[in-house]
C-alpha atoms as a PDB file:
ATOM      1  CA  UNK A   1       0.000   0.000   0.000  1.00  0.00           C
ATOM      2  CA  UNK A   2       1.281   3.443  -0.931  1.00  0.00           C
ATOM      3  CA  UNK A   3      -1.171   5.339   1.252  1.00  0.00           C
ATOM      4  CA  UNK A   4      -4.629   5.332   2.781  1.00  0.00           C
ATOM      5  CA  UNK A   5      -6.793   8.382   3.451  1.00  0.00           C
ATOM      6  CA  UNK A   6     -10.233   7.682   4.846  1.00  0.00           C
ATOM      7  CA  UNK A   7     -12.059   5.404   2.406  1.00  0.00           C
ATOM      8  CA  UNK A   8      -9.357   5.753  -0.303  1.00  0.00           C
ATOM      9  CA  UNK A   9      -6.425   3.353  -0.551  1.00  0.00           C
ATOM     10  CA  UNK A  10      -3.783   3.588  -3.276  1.00  0.00           C
ATOM     11  CA  UNK A  11      -1.585   0.559  -3.852  1.00  0.00           C
ATOM     12  CA  UNK A  12       0.904  -0.427  -6.514  1.00  0.00           C
ATOM     13  CA  UNK A  13      -0.385  -2.263  -9.559  1.00  0.00           C
ATOM     14  CA  UNK A  14      -0.299  -6.068  -9.323  1.00  0.00           C
ATOM     15  CA  UNK A  15      -0.375  -8.619 -12.162  1.00  0.00           C
ATOM     16  CA  UNK A  16      -3.878  -9.728 -11.175  1.00  0.00           C
ATOM     17  CA  UNK A  17      -5.145  -6.165 -11.768  1.00  0.00           C
ATOM     18  CA  UNK A  18      -4.827  -6.615 -15.529  1.00  0.00           C
ATOM     19  CA  UNK A  19      -8.377  -7.990 -15.671  1.00  0.00           C
ATOM     20  CA  UNK A  20      -9.755  -4.845 -14.035  1.00  0.00           C
ATOM     21  CA  UNK A  21      -7.775  -2.606 -16.379  1.00  0.00           C
ATOM     22  CA  UNK A  22      -9.023  -4.566 -19.415  1.00  0.00           C
ATOM     23  CA  UNK A  23     -12.613  -4.213 -18.163  1.00  0.00           C
ATOM     24  CA  UNK A  24     -12.335  -0.493 -17.494  1.00  0.00           C
ATOM     25  CA  UNK A  25     -10.363   0.323 -20.644  1.00  0.00           C
ATOM     26  CA  UNK A  26     -12.822  -1.419 -22.934  1.00  0.00           C
ATOM     27  CA  UNK A  27     -15.695   0.728 -21.642  1.00  0.00           C
ATOM     28  CA  UNK A  28     -16.472   3.627 -24.036  1.00  0.00           C
ATOM     29  CA  UNK A  29     -17.576   5.892 -21.166  1.00  0.00           C
ATOM     30  CA  UNK A  30     -14.132   5.570 -19.569  1.00  0.00           C
ATOM     31  CA  UNK A  31     -12.328   5.879 -22.892  1.00  0.00           C
ATOM     32  CA  UNK A  32     -14.123   9.098 -23.836  1.00  0.00           C
ATOM     33  CA  UNK A  33     -11.382  11.093 -22.090  1.00  0.00           C
ATOM     34  CA  UNK A  34      -8.775   8.431 -21.234  1.00  0.00           C
ATOM     35  CA  UNK A  35      -6.991   6.981 -24.286  1.00  0.00           C
ATOM     36  CA  UNK A  36      -9.996   7.326 -26.643  1.00  0.00           C
ATOM     37  CA  UNK A  37     -12.948   5.180 -27.643  1.00  0.00           C
ATOM     38  CA  UNK A  38     -10.975   4.014 -30.673  1.00  0.00           C
ATOM     39  CA  UNK A  39      -8.258   2.591 -28.390  1.00  0.00           C
ATOM     40  CA  UNK A  40     -10.050  -0.213 -26.556  1.00  0.00           C
ATOM     41  CA  UNK A  41      -7.813  -2.454 -24.499  1.00  0.00           C
ATOM     42  CA  UNK A  42      -7.752  -6.233 -24.276  1.00  0.00           C
ATOM     43  CA  UNK A  43      -5.522  -8.262 -21.945  1.00  0.00           C
ATOM     44  CA  UNK A  44      -2.603  -8.219 -24.398  1.00  0.00           C
ATOM     45  CA  UNK A  45      -2.706  -4.432 -24.767  1.00  0.00           C
ATOM     46  CA  UNK A  46      -3.049  -3.969 -21.008  1.00  0.00           C
ATOM     47  CA  UNK A  47       0.032  -6.142 -20.518  1.00  0.00           C
ATOM     48  CA  UNK A  48       2.043  -4.173 -23.108  1.00  0.00           C
ATOM     49  CA  UNK A  49       1.021  -0.734 -21.816  1.00  0.00           C
ATOM     50  CA  UNK A  50       0.848  -1.225 -18.050  1.00  0.00           C
ATOM     51  CA  UNK A  51       3.300  -4.020 -17.306  1.00  0.00           C
ATOM     52  CA  UNK A  52       6.473  -2.898 -19.034  1.00  0.00           C
ATOM     53  CA  UNK A  53       9.574  -2.235 -16.991  1.00  0.00           C
ATOM     54  CA  UNK A  54       9.388   1.540 -17.419  1.00  0.00           C
ATOM     55  CA  UNK A  55      10.550   3.011 -14.151  1.00  0.00           C
ATOM     56  CA  UNK A  56       9.426   6.604 -14.706  1.00  0.00           C
ATOM     57  CA  UNK A  57       5.767   5.988 -13.823  1.00  0.00           C
ATOM     58  CA  UNK A  58       4.494   4.516 -10.588  1.00  0.00           C
ATOM     59  CA  UNK A  59       1.315   2.675 -11.584  1.00  0.00           C
ATOM     60  CA  UNK A  60      -1.349   2.131  -8.941  1.00  0.00           C
ATOM     61  CA  UNK A  61      -4.845   0.845  -8.293  1.00  0.00           C
ATOM     62  CA  UNK A  62      -7.332   2.992  -6.403  1.00  0.00           C
ATOM     63  CA  UNK A  63      -9.562   1.296  -3.879  1.00  0.00           C
ATOM     64  CA  UNK A  64     -12.609   2.860  -2.297  1.00  0.00           C
ATOM     65  CA  UNK A  65     -13.995   1.150   0.776  1.00  0.00           C
ATOM     66  CA  UNK A  66     -11.657  -1.786  -0.042  1.00  0.00           C
ATOM     67  CA  UNK A  67     -13.051  -2.232  -3.602  1.00  0.00           C
ATOM     68  CA  UNK A  68     -10.879  -1.541  -6.662  1.00  0.00           C
ATOM     69  CA  UNK A  69     -12.499   1.317  -8.571  1.00  0.00           C
ATOM     70  CA  UNK A  70      -9.791   2.994 -10.623  1.00  0.00           C
ATOM     71  CA  UNK A  71      -6.247   3.688 -11.654  1.00  0.00           C
ATOM     72  CA  UNK A  72      -3.705   6.412 -10.903  1.00  0.00           C
ATOM     73  CA  UNK A  73      -0.092   6.911 -11.918  1.00  0.00           C
ATOM     74  CA  UNK A  74       2.486   9.482 -10.967  1.00  0.00           C
ATOM     75  CA  UNK A  75       5.886  10.387 -12.347  1.00  0.00           C
ATOM     76  CA  UNK A  76       8.589  12.957 -11.832  1.00  0.00           C
ATOM     77  CA  UNK A  77       8.777  15.483 -14.663  1.00  0.00           C
ATOM     78  CA  UNK A  78      12.024  15.577 -16.588  1.00  0.00           C
ATOM     79  CA  UNK A  79      13.909  18.826 -17.227  1.00  0.00           C
ATOM     80  CA  UNK A  80      12.742  19.066 -20.856  1.00  0.00           C
ATOM     81  CA  UNK A  81       9.061  18.845 -19.864  1.00  0.00           C
ATOM     82  CA  UNK A  82       9.513  21.373 -17.055  1.00  0.00           C
ATOM     83  CA  UNK A  83      11.191  23.756 -19.504  1.00  0.00           C
ATOM     84  CA  UNK A  84       8.382  23.246 -22.035  1.00  0.00           C
ATOM     85  CA  UNK A  85       5.888  24.181 -19.313  1.00  0.00           C
ATOM     86  CA  UNK A  86       7.943  27.227 -18.312  1.00  0.00           C
ATOM     87  CA  UNK A  87       9.435  25.939 -15.056  1.00  0.00           C
ATOM     88  CA  UNK A  88      12.962  25.511 -13.786  1.00  0.00           C
ATOM     89  CA  UNK A  89      14.568  23.088 -11.375  1.00  0.00           C
ATOM     90  CA  UNK A  90      11.564  22.530  -9.110  1.00  0.00           C
ATOM     91  CA  UNK A  91      10.716  19.008  -7.991  1.00  0.00           C
ATOM     92  CA  UNK A  92       7.585  18.472 -10.105  1.00  0.00           C
ATOM     93  CA  UNK A  93       5.330  15.471 -10.562  1.00  0.00           C
ATOM     94  CA  UNK A  94       2.571  14.661 -13.006  1.00  0.00           C
ATOM     95  CA  UNK A  95      -0.453  12.511 -12.326  1.00  0.00           C
ATOM     96  CA  UNK A  96      -2.967  10.715 -14.548  1.00  0.00           C
ATOM     97  CA  UNK A  97      -5.992   8.869 -13.270  1.00  0.00           C
ATOM     98  CA  UNK A  98      -9.469   7.612 -13.936  1.00  0.00           C
ATOM     99  CA  UNK A  99     -12.276   6.101 -11.935  1.00  0.00           C
ATOM    100  CA  UNK A 100     -13.249   2.959 -13.811  1.00  0.00           C
ATOM    101  CA  UNK A 101     -16.511   2.269 -12.028  1.00  0.00           C
ATOM    102  CA  UNK A 102     -19.060   4.765 -13.374  1.00  0.00           C
ATOM    103  CA  UNK A 103     -21.320   4.390 -10.318  1.00  0.00           C
ATOM    104  CA  UNK A 104     -18.491   6.004  -8.322  1.00  0.00           C
ATOM    105  CA  UNK A 105     -18.584   9.201 -10.405  1.00  0.00           C
ATOM    106  CA  UNK A 106     -19.977  12.463  -9.050  1.00  0.00           C
ATOM    107  CA  UNK A 107     -19.739  11.341  -5.428  1.00  0.00           C
ATOM    108  CA  UNK A 108     -16.595  13.244  -4.367  1.00  0.00           C
ATOM    109  CA  UNK A 109     -14.376  10.162  -4.688  1.00  0.00           C
ATOM    110  CA  UNK A 110     -12.239  11.711  -7.426  1.00  0.00           C
ATOM    111  CA  UNK A 111     -11.737  14.816  -5.304  1.00  0.00           C
ATOM    112  CA  UNK A 112     -10.674  12.668  -2.344  1.00  0.00           C
ATOM    113  CA  UNK A 113      -8.310  10.707  -4.595  1.00  0.00           C
ATOM    114  CA  UNK A 114      -6.644  13.760  -6.172  1.00  0.00           C
ATOM    115  CA  UNK A 115      -6.273  15.662  -2.879  1.00  0.00           C
ATOM    116  CA  UNK A 116      -4.862  12.526  -1.238  1.00  0.00           C
ATOM    117  CA  UNK A 117      -2.345  12.005  -4.051  1.00  0.00           C
ATOM    118  CA  UNK A 118      -1.364  15.690  -3.968  1.00  0.00           C
ATOM    119  CA  UNK A 119      -0.729  15.412  -0.226  1.00  0.00           C
ATOM    120  CA  UNK A 120       1.270  12.193  -0.701  1.00  0.00           C
ATOM    121  CA  UNK A 121       3.456  13.715  -3.429  1.00  0.00           C
ATOM    122  CA  UNK A 122       3.943  16.964  -1.504  1.00  0.00           C
ATOM    123  CA  UNK A 123       4.809  15.307   1.792  1.00  0.00           C
ATOM    124  CA  UNK A 124       6.519  12.043   0.874  1.00  0.00           C
ATOM    125  CA  UNK A 125       8.082  12.907  -2.490  1.00  0.00           C
ATOM    126  CA  UNK A 126       8.725  16.559  -1.580  1.00  0.00           C
ATOM    127  CA  UNK A 127       7.017  17.777  -4.764  1.00  0.00           C
ATOM    128  CA  UNK A 128       6.988  21.564  -5.165  1.00  0.00           C
ATOM    129  CA  UNK A 129       4.357  21.384  -7.898  1.00  0.00           C
ATOM    130  CA  UNK A 130       2.021  18.732  -9.304  1.00  0.00           C
ATOM    131  CA  UNK A 131       0.622  18.949 -12.829  1.00  0.00           C
ATOM    132  CA  UNK A 132      -2.263  17.523 -14.794  1.00  0.00           C
ATOM    133  CA  UNK A 133      -3.173  18.219 -18.413  1.00  0.00           C
ATOM    134  CA  UNK A 134      -6.843  17.370 -19.004  1.00  0.00           C
ATOM    135  CA  UNK A 135      -8.478  17.887 -22.355  1.00  0.00           C
ATOM    136  CA  UNK A 136     -10.156  21.286 -22.419  1.00  0.00           C
ATOM    137  CA  UNK A 137     -13.536  19.607 -23.019  1.00  0.00           C
ATOM    138  CA  UNK A 138     -13.244  17.334 -19.964  1.00  0.00           C
ATOM    139  CA  UNK A 139     -15.201  19.709 -17.757  1.00  0.00           C
ATOM    140  CA  UNK A 140     -15.853  17.167 -14.991  1.00  0.00           C
ATOM    141  CA  UNK A 141     -12.121  16.515 -14.536  1.00  0.00           C
ATOM    142  CA  UNK A 142     -11.253  20.226 -14.680  1.00  0.00           C
ATOM    143  CA  UNK A 143     -13.865  21.008 -12.016  1.00  0.00           C
ATOM    144  CA  UNK A 144     -12.469  18.226  -9.813  1.00  0.00           C
ATOM    145  CA  UNK A 145      -8.901  19.509 -10.169  1.00  0.00           C
ATOM    146  CA  UNK A 146      -9.980  23.060  -9.380  1.00  0.00           C
ATOM    147  CA  UNK A 147     -11.753  21.825  -6.220  1.00  0.00           C
ATOM    148  CA  UNK A 148      -8.462  20.183  -5.257  1.00  0.00           C
ATOM    149  CA  UNK A 149      -6.474  23.418  -5.598  1.00  0.00           C
ATOM    150  CA  UNK A 150      -5.120  23.059  -9.145  1.00  0.00           C
ATOM    151  CA  UNK A 151      -5.030  26.236 -11.235  1.00  0.00           C
ATOM    152  CA  UNK A 152      -5.172  26.537 -15.023  1.00  0.00           C
ATOM    153  CA  UNK A 153      -1.832  28.068 -15.989  1.00  0.00           C
ATOM    154  CA  UNK A 154      -1.298  27.359 -19.669  1.00  0.00           C
ATOM    155  CA  UNK A 155      -3.501  26.460 -22.630  1.00  0.00           C
ATOM    156  CA  UNK A 156      -1.924  23.650 -24.646  1.00  0.00           C
ATOM    157  CA  UNK A 157      -3.373  23.724 -28.178  1.00  0.00           C
ATOM    158  CA  UNK A 158      -3.530  20.430 -30.055  1.00  0.00           C
ATOM    159  CA  UNK A 159      -1.665  18.691 -27.215  1.00  0.00           C
ATOM    160  CA  UNK A 160      -3.061  15.159 -27.246  1.00  0.00           C
ATOM    161  CA  UNK A 161      -3.880  12.810 -30.119  1.00  0.00           C
ATOM    162  CA  UNK A 162      -7.289  11.478 -29.163  1.00  0.00           C
ATOM    163  CA  UNK A 163      -9.740   9.597 -31.371  1.00  0.00           C
ATOM    164  CA  UNK A 164      -7.884  10.551 -34.533  1.00  0.00           C
ATOM    165  CA  UNK A 165      -7.471  14.281 -33.910  1.00  0.00           C
ATOM    166  CA  UNK A 166      -5.291  16.502 -31.798  1.00  0.00           C
ATOM    167  CA  UNK A 167      -7.175  17.908 -28.809  1.00  0.00           C
ATOM    168  CA  UNK A 168      -6.556  21.024 -26.770  1.00  0.00           C
ATOM    169  CA  UNK A 169      -5.591  20.582 -23.128  1.00  0.00           C
ATOM    170  CA  UNK A 170      -5.059  22.724 -20.069  1.00  0.00           C
ATOM    171  CA  UNK A 171      -1.887  22.602 -18.012  1.00  0.00           C
ATOM    172  CA  UNK A 172      -3.113  22.766 -14.433  1.00  0.00           C
ATOM    173  CA  UNK A 173      -0.725  23.130 -11.514  1.00  0.00           C
ATOM    174  CA  UNK A 174      -1.017  22.436  -7.815  1.00  0.00           C
ATOM    175  CA  UNK A 175       1.449  24.409  -5.711  1.00  0.00           C
ATOM    176  CA  UNK A 176       2.630  22.537  -2.619  1.00  0.00           C
ATOM    177  CA  UNK A 177       2.633  24.498   0.596  1.00  0.00           C
END
């Protein structure tokens, strides 16, 4: 377990989680903003994407009330990315996440998850800043991030290839205290 905060537990990804990831990432409602509805995952794709030996991302499962409901990953930003975003030598992390169980949406669980991860990265990893880059049309995610203290700082035109076209995103930053 990486951390627990109230009803939220975040733990590192295990091999047995590949079935959950395949379920979630073959659901068009999840894929609308995460990967794209034209990028459905099966077990082979989940294995290739989530179980490689890449060390830069820490891949985790999110549990709510001891039930797996989603995925989150975090990674330290490299100097090139920080420069692209207009930052210097700060200790910065990025996060990506989704709640894979639609019945858990709009209940404050995402807010609890993001604030918990921000606290973990700030306290344990000594992050100065944490970034997310949601698509500009993902209003639910943007509202969640804003509730968690993230601020829109830079519009990123045509940032992410999604469903065959480049989509605009927002760089949103959380400043650690």
